[in-house]
Every structure is written in structure tokens, then in C-alpha cells.
Protein backbone atom coordinates (compact mmCIF):
# COMPACT_ATOMS: atom_id res chain seq x y z
CA MET A 1 10.46 -55.35 -12.48
CA MET A 2 8.47 -55.60 -9.25
CA GLY A 3 9.01 -53.16 -6.43
CA TYR A 4 8.95 -53.95 -2.75
CA PRO A 5 5.39 -54.87 -1.64
CA HIS A 6 3.59 -51.88 -0.12
CA GLU A 7 2.13 -54.03 2.66
CA ALA A 8 5.61 -55.06 3.82
CA LEU A 9 6.90 -51.49 3.58
CA HIS A 10 4.02 -50.16 5.67
CA ARG A 11 4.46 -52.92 8.27
CA GLU A 12 8.20 -52.20 8.60
CA ILE A 13 7.64 -48.45 8.89
CA ALA A 14 4.87 -48.89 11.47
CA PHE A 15 7.01 -51.30 13.50
CA LEU A 16 10.02 -48.98 13.60
CA ALA A 17 7.89 -45.90 14.28
CA TYR A 18 6.20 -47.74 17.16
CA TYR A 19 9.44 -48.74 18.86
CA LEU A 20 11.97 -46.11 17.80
CA HIS A 21 9.65 -43.10 17.45
CA TRP A 22 11.38 -42.02 14.25
CA ASP A 23 9.46 -39.76 11.89
CA TYR A 24 7.91 -41.02 8.67
CA ALA A 25 10.35 -39.21 6.35
CA THR A 26 13.38 -40.69 8.12
CA LEU A 27 11.96 -44.21 7.93
CA LEU A 28 10.88 -43.86 4.31
CA ASN A 29 14.34 -42.60 3.31
CA LEU A 30 16.10 -45.68 4.68
CA GLU A 31 17.38 -48.10 2.06
CA HIS A 32 15.53 -51.42 2.04
CA GLY A 33 18.42 -53.40 3.52
CA GLU A 34 19.08 -50.85 6.23
CA ARG A 35 15.38 -50.71 7.18
CA ARG A 36 15.24 -54.52 7.38
CA ARG A 37 18.37 -54.51 9.55
CA TRP A 38 16.82 -51.99 11.96
CA CYS A 39 13.68 -54.17 12.11
CA ALA A 40 15.78 -57.25 12.90
CA GLU A 41 17.83 -55.48 15.57
CA THR A 42 14.76 -53.94 17.19
CA SER A 43 13.01 -57.34 17.17
CA ALA A 44 16.02 -59.04 18.76
CA ILE A 45 16.35 -56.45 21.52
CA ASN A 46 12.62 -56.56 22.23
CA ARG A 47 12.61 -60.37 22.42
CA GLN A 48 15.54 -60.32 24.87
CA ALA A 49 13.82 -57.70 26.98
CA GLY A 50 10.61 -59.72 27.07
CA GLY A 51 8.56 -57.33 24.94
CA GLU A 52 5.70 -55.20 26.11
CA ALA A 53 2.74 -56.85 27.77
CA GLY A 54 0.34 -57.61 24.96
CA GLY A 55 2.44 -55.76 22.39
CA PRO A 56 4.28 -57.15 19.39
CA ARG A 57 7.73 -58.56 20.15
CA SER A 58 9.00 -58.73 16.60
CA LEU A 59 8.13 -57.53 13.12
CA GLU A 60 6.48 -60.89 12.44
CA ASP A 61 4.09 -60.28 15.37
CA PHE A 62 3.20 -56.78 14.19
């Protein structure tokens, strides 16, 4: 059985920490589906708001 790729996990945690300023333990304790949902919601809000100048707008840009 393969686990979730570490690269993807680190990218998701970095993305949420960057935008939501949540601590590492909180982000790491999120279930996979819940963490992905927070990434999707944060990406959608950031796209609608126009993103930060020069910053990533979505998880895919991170």
C-alpha cells in the first residue's frame, strides 16, 4: 500500500500555512480529504480576489 506522496503533502501544508497562517501541527493533523478541501477553497477565494501580486493564486501555482 502506498501512502500519500510526501511532495504533495509538503506542498499542501506550505500552501495553507502561507495563506491561513495555521501552525504545522494543525495542518498535519487534518485528514487528507479535509486538507485538500481547504486547499481548494483557499485557491478559489484567492483566484476570485485576484491573488497577491507575484504570489501563487492556487495550490497548482505554489
